[in-house]
Amino acid sequence: MAVKKTKETNTTISEKLEGLFELQNVDSGIDKLQILRGELPLEVSDLEEQIDKLNNHLLDESDNEAKINNLILEQNEKIKNSEALIEKYNKQQMKVRNNREFDAINKELEFQALEIQLANKKITSFESDLEENGGKIKLVKAKIRERKKFLKTKKGELDVIVKSTEKDEAKFNSQKKKISKGIEDRLINIYENLRTTSKNGLAVVQVDRGACGGCFSSITAQHNLNIKLRKDILFCENCGRILVPDDIVE
């Protein structure tokens, strides 16, 4: 009875190892498809981010342009008010009864003339700022057009690759889903964590001539024997990858 129980346990471990190895092969196939895309996904994402930032910058510059135009309108309004007061004081000056009233009105006229002069200076300065801001807006718009053109090209290149591999990718994803259902969640989590920390995405590797197929570190004879016997899920003592025997494919 004890022998039968051991046999069933070994079979279960063997199935788990085969499932993990098969899952690794499928993921490696998906990884190869991702490699075909190269840096294109990152380039597309980076360009989209650049365009978003430029659009935000364009909004800021447009807001600044609106603020400058409002400031110019305010100064023009001040000029109109001063001109209206000058016209009023000129009429009053014709009706003065003494020098004191004449001098008071004359001072008001001079003050309003200075107000107009100051407002015109501010308008000149604001118009200069407006021209400079307009140049910035043109430059930002040119950059946006350039980035959009480049983005369109990169997206086109990426779409060609995606379309050429979408059938294989769909097939791999279907296989992965099917295989994953037969593996317990605990092992899936260990597997995914190992893939994340591994540079080449290899979480499950075969023993190759007495060494780990991932980091190529030597494995002790006893450790290698235990792996061949498939008594347990065993890991490389150096890199932590799950080790499977070299005859796993058979």
Protein backbone atom coordinates (compact mmCIF):
# COMPACT_ATOMS: atom_id res chain seq x y z
CA MET A 1 0.00 0.00 0.00
CA ALA A 2 2.89 2.33 0.86
CA VAL A 3 4.57 1.54 -2.47
CA LYS A 4 1.41 2.43 -4.36
CA LYS A 5 1.15 5.79 -2.52
CA THR A 6 4.78 6.65 -3.39
CA LYS A 7 4.17 5.84 -7.04
CA GLU A 8 1.11 8.09 -7.19
CA THR A 9 3.05 10.92 -5.54
CA ASN A 10 5.94 10.56 -8.02
CA THR A 11 3.52 10.59 -10.93
CA THR A 12 1.91 13.78 -9.63
CA ILE A 13 5.30 15.51 -9.24
CA SER A 14 6.30 14.33 -12.71
CA GLU A 15 3.12 15.79 -14.20
CA LYS A 16 3.72 19.06 -12.41
CA LEU A 17 7.27 19.26 -13.76
CA GLU A 18 6.11 18.42 -17.27
CA GLY A 19 3.37 21.05 -17.02
CA LEU A 20 5.82 23.72 -15.81
CA PHE A 21 8.31 22.81 -18.54
CA GLU A 22 5.56 22.96 -21.18
CA LEU A 23 4.40 26.32 -19.80
CA GLN A 24 7.97 27.61 -20.00
CA ASN A 25 8.23 26.53 -23.64
CA VAL A 26 5.02 28.36 -24.49
CA ASP A 27 6.13 31.50 -22.67
CA SER A 28 9.50 31.32 -24.42
CA GLY A 29 7.63 31.21 -27.72
CA ILE A 30 5.68 34.33 -26.72
CA ASP A 31 8.94 35.99 -25.65
CA LYS A 32 10.42 35.34 -29.11
CA LEU A 33 7.43 37.05 -30.71
CA GLN A 34 7.94 40.02 -28.37
CA ILE A 35 11.61 40.14 -29.38
CA LEU A 36 10.54 40.45 -33.03
CA ARG A 37 8.83 43.71 -32.10
CA GLY A 38 12.11 44.95 -30.67
CA GLU A 39 12.00 48.44 -29.19
CA LEU A 40 8.98 49.46 -31.27
CA PRO A 41 6.39 49.19 -28.44
CA LEU A 42 8.60 51.31 -26.18
CA GLU A 43 9.26 53.81 -28.98
CA VAL A 44 5.54 54.13 -29.69
CA SER A 45 4.76 54.60 -25.99
CA ASP A 46 7.55 57.17 -25.63
CA LEU A 47 6.36 59.14 -28.66
CA GLU A 48 2.77 59.16 -27.36
CA GLU A 49 4.04 60.46 -24.03
CA GLN A 50 6.09 63.17 -25.76
CA ILE A 51 3.06 64.27 -27.78
CA ASP A 52 0.94 64.47 -24.62
CA LYS A 53 3.56 66.64 -22.94
CA LEU A 54 3.84 68.88 -26.01
CA ASN A 55 0.05 69.26 -26.17
CA ASN A 56 0.04 70.29 -22.50
CA HIS A 57 2.84 72.75 -23.23
CA LEU A 58 0.85 74.10 -26.17
CA LEU A 59 -2.16 74.64 -23.89
CA ASP A 60 0.03 76.54 -21.42
CA GLU A 61 1.44 78.76 -24.16
CA SER A 62 -2.07 79.34 -25.57
CA ASP A 63 -3.30 80.32 -22.11
CA ASN A 64 -0.35 82.68 -21.79
CA GLU A 65 -1.23 84.20 -25.18
CA ALA A 66 -4.80 84.78 -24.00
CA LYS A 67 -3.53 86.44 -20.80
CA ILE A 68 -1.27 88.79 -22.77
CA ASN A 69 -4.13 89.72 -25.11
CA ASN A 70 -6.30 90.50 -22.06
CA LEU A 71 -3.55 92.73 -20.66
CA ILE A 72 -3.38 94.61 -23.98
CA LEU A 73 -7.16 95.04 -23.91
CA GLU A 74 -6.92 96.45 -20.37
CA GLN A 75 -4.32 99.01 -21.45
CA ASN A 76 -6.38 100.00 -24.50
CA GLU A 77 -9.34 100.47 -22.19
CA LYS A 78 -7.22 102.71 -19.95
CA ILE A 79 -6.22 104.77 -23.00
CA LYS A 80 -9.88 105.20 -23.98
CA ASN A 81 -10.78 106.30 -20.47
CA SER A 82 -7.88 108.77 -20.38
CA GLU A 83 -8.82 110.14 -23.80
CA ALA A 84 -12.41 110.58 -22.61
CA LEU A 85 -11.17 112.45 -19.52
CA ILE A 86 -8.89 114.64 -21.61
CA GLU A 87 -11.84 115.58 -23.81
CA LYS A 88 -13.87 116.34 -20.70
CA TYR A 89 -11.10 118.46 -19.11
CA ASN A 90 -10.53 120.35 -22.36
CA LYS A 91 -14.18 121.38 -22.34
CA GLN A 92 -13.98 122.35 -18.68
CA GLN A 93 -10.86 124.40 -19.32
CA MET A 94 -12.87 126.64 -21.64
CA LYS A 95 -15.17 127.49 -18.73
CA VAL A 96 -12.63 128.17 -15.95
CA ARG A 97 -13.14 131.31 -13.85
CA ASN A 98 -9.64 131.66 -12.39
CA ASN A 99 -6.04 130.53 -12.64
CA ARG A 100 -6.42 128.03 -9.82
CA GLU A 101 -9.09 126.07 -11.69
CA PHE A 102 -7.04 126.33 -14.88
CA ASP A 103 -3.92 124.91 -13.18
CA ALA A 104 -5.90 122.09 -11.56
CA ILE A 105 -7.42 121.05 -14.88
CA ASN A 106 -4.06 121.40 -16.61
CA LYS A 107 -2.49 119.01 -14.08
CA GLU A 108 -5.27 116.49 -14.76
CA LEU A 109 -4.63 116.80 -18.49
CA GLU A 110 -0.91 116.20 -17.98
CA PHE A 111 -1.63 113.21 -15.71
CA GLN A 112 -3.95 111.58 -18.26
CA ALA A 113 -1.40 112.20 -21.01
CA LEU A 114 1.19 110.38 -18.89
CA GLU A 115 -1.30 107.55 -18.29
CA ILE A 116 -1.73 107.18 -22.06
CA GLN A 117 2.03 107.24 -22.57
CA LEU A 118 2.54 104.56 -19.88
CA ALA A 119 -0.27 102.42 -21.31
CA ASN A 120 1.29 102.60 -24.80
CA LYS A 121 4.66 101.52 -23.39
CA LYS A 122 3.02 98.56 -21.69
CA ILE A 123 1.18 97.66 -24.90
CA THR A 124 4.48 97.74 -26.82
CA SER A 125 6.04 95.44 -24.20
CA PHE A 126 3.04 93.10 -24.22
CA GLU A 127 3.06 92.96 -28.04
CA SER A 128 6.73 91.98 -27.89
CA ASP A 129 5.83 89.23 -25.40
CA LEU A 130 2.97 88.19 -27.66
CA GLU A 131 5.29 87.89 -30.65
CA GLU A 132 7.77 85.84 -28.62
CA ASN A 133 4.96 83.63 -27.34
CA GLY A 134 3.65 83.19 -30.87
CA GLY A 135 7.09 81.93 -31.91
CA LYS A 136 7.01 79.40 -29.07
CA ILE A 137 3.56 78.21 -30.14
CA LYS A 138 4.72 77.74 -33.74
CA LEU A 139 7.74 75.76 -32.52
CA VAL A 140 5.62 73.51 -30.27
CA LYS A 141 3.11 72.90 -33.09
CA ALA A 142 5.97 72.00 -35.45
CA LYS A 143 7.34 69.54 -32.89
CA ILE A 144 3.89 67.97 -32.44
CA ARG A 145 3.51 67.53 -36.22
CA GLU A 146 6.98 65.98 -36.39
CA ARG A 147 6.33 63.59 -33.50
CA LYS A 148 2.92 62.58 -34.89
CA LYS A 149 4.47 61.83 -38.28
CA PHE A 150 7.18 59.73 -36.63
CA LEU A 151 4.57 58.01 -34.42
CA LYS A 152 2.48 57.09 -37.46
CA THR A 153 5.54 55.48 -39.07
CA LYS A 154 6.47 53.52 -35.93
CA LYS A 155 2.87 52.38 -35.38
CA GLY A 156 2.75 51.21 -38.98
CA GLU A 157 5.92 49.17 -38.51
CA LEU A 158 4.58 47.70 -35.27
CA ASP A 159 1.20 46.85 -36.82
CA VAL A 160 2.92 44.92 -39.62
CA ILE A 161 4.84 42.81 -37.09
CA VAL A 162 1.81 42.31 -34.83
CA LYS A 163 -0.35 41.19 -37.76
CA SER A 164 2.33 38.76 -38.94
CA THR A 165 2.55 37.15 -35.50
CA GLU A 166 -0.99 37.51 -34.13
CA LYS A 167 -2.01 33.96 -35.11
CA ASP A 168 1.02 32.45 -33.39
CA GLU A 169 0.52 34.68 -30.37
CA ALA A 170 -3.15 33.72 -30.09
CA LYS A 171 -2.16 30.05 -30.36
CA PHE A 172 0.48 30.42 -27.64
CA ASN A 173 -1.89 32.31 -25.33
CA SER A 174 -4.54 29.63 -25.78
CA GLN A 175 -1.99 26.93 -24.95
CA LYS A 176 -0.77 28.89 -21.92
CA LYS A 177 -4.30 29.25 -20.58
CA LYS A 178 -4.95 25.53 -21.01
CA ILE A 179 -1.65 24.47 -19.41
CA SER A 180 -1.99 26.92 -16.50
CA LYS A 181 -5.33 25.39 -15.50
CA GLY A 182 -3.54 22.12 -14.75
CA ILE A 183 -0.95 23.71 -12.45
CA GLU A 184 -1.70 24.77 -8.90
CA ASP A 185 -1.70 28.48 -8.13
CA ARG A 186 1.22 28.20 -5.71
CA LEU A 187 3.50 26.88 -8.44
CA ILE A 188 2.21 29.39 -10.96
CA ASN A 189 3.09 32.23 -8.57
CA ILE A 190 6.60 30.82 -8.02
CA TYR A 191 7.01 30.38 -11.76
CA GLU A 192 5.86 33.91 -12.60
CA ASN A 193 8.10 35.43 -9.91
CA LEU A 194 11.09 33.55 -11.31
CA ARG A 195 10.30 34.73 -14.82
CA THR A 196 10.11 38.33 -13.59
CA THR A 197 13.49 38.17 -11.88
CA SER A 198 15.18 36.27 -14.69
CA LYS A 199 16.75 38.34 -17.48
CA ASN A 200 15.88 35.84 -20.20
CA GLY A 201 12.48 34.91 -18.77
CA LEU A 202 13.56 31.35 -18.01
CA ALA A 203 12.01 30.03 -14.81
CA VAL A 204 12.17 26.32 -15.68
CA VAL A 205 15.33 24.84 -17.19
CA GLN A 206 16.66 21.39 -17.96
CA VAL A 207 19.77 19.95 -16.37
CA ASP A 208 22.44 19.98 -19.08
CA ARG A 209 25.46 17.73 -18.55
CA GLY A 210 25.32 18.06 -14.80
CA ALA A 211 24.75 21.82 -14.79
CA CYS A 212 21.81 24.23 -14.52
CA GLY A 213 20.50 25.12 -17.97
CA GLY A 214 19.92 28.68 -16.81
CA CYS A 215 23.04 29.86 -14.98
CA PHE A 216 25.27 26.88 -16.01
CA SER A 217 26.36 26.26 -12.42
CA SER A 218 27.37 22.69 -11.60
CA ILE A 219 24.87 20.52 -9.75
CA THR A 220 25.89 17.86 -7.24
CA ALA A 221 25.46 14.25 -8.25
CA GLN A 222 22.87 13.66 -5.51
CA HIS A 223 20.89 16.77 -6.49
CA ASN A 224 20.99 15.65 -10.12
CA LEU A 225 19.79 12.15 -9.15
CA ASN A 226 16.89 13.60 -7.14
CA ILE A 227 15.91 15.72 -10.14
CA LYS A 228 15.97 12.64 -12.40
CA LEU A 229 13.82 10.69 -9.96
CA ARG A 230 11.27 13.54 -9.95
CA LYS A 231 10.52 13.12 -6.26
CA ASP A 232 9.98 16.82 -5.66
CA ILE A 233 10.04 20.27 -7.27
CA LEU A 234 13.74 21.13 -7.00
CA PHE A 235 15.55 24.40 -7.61
CA CYS A 236 19.01 25.48 -8.68
CA GLU A 237 20.98 26.36 -5.56
CA ASN A 238 22.69 29.21 -7.42
CA CYS A 239 20.01 31.02 -9.48
CA GLY A 240 16.82 29.61 -7.91
CA ARG A 241 15.30 28.35 -11.18
CA ILE A 242 13.13 25.23 -11.22
CA LEU A 243 15.20 22.31 -12.50
CA VAL A 244 13.80 19.48 -14.61
CA PRO A 245 15.65 16.38 -15.85
CA ASP A 246 17.19 16.30 -19.30
CA ASP A 247 14.75 13.55 -20.36
CA ILE A 248 11.67 15.68 -19.59
CA VAL A 249 10.85 15.98 -23.31
CA GLU A 250 10.73 12.20 -23.70
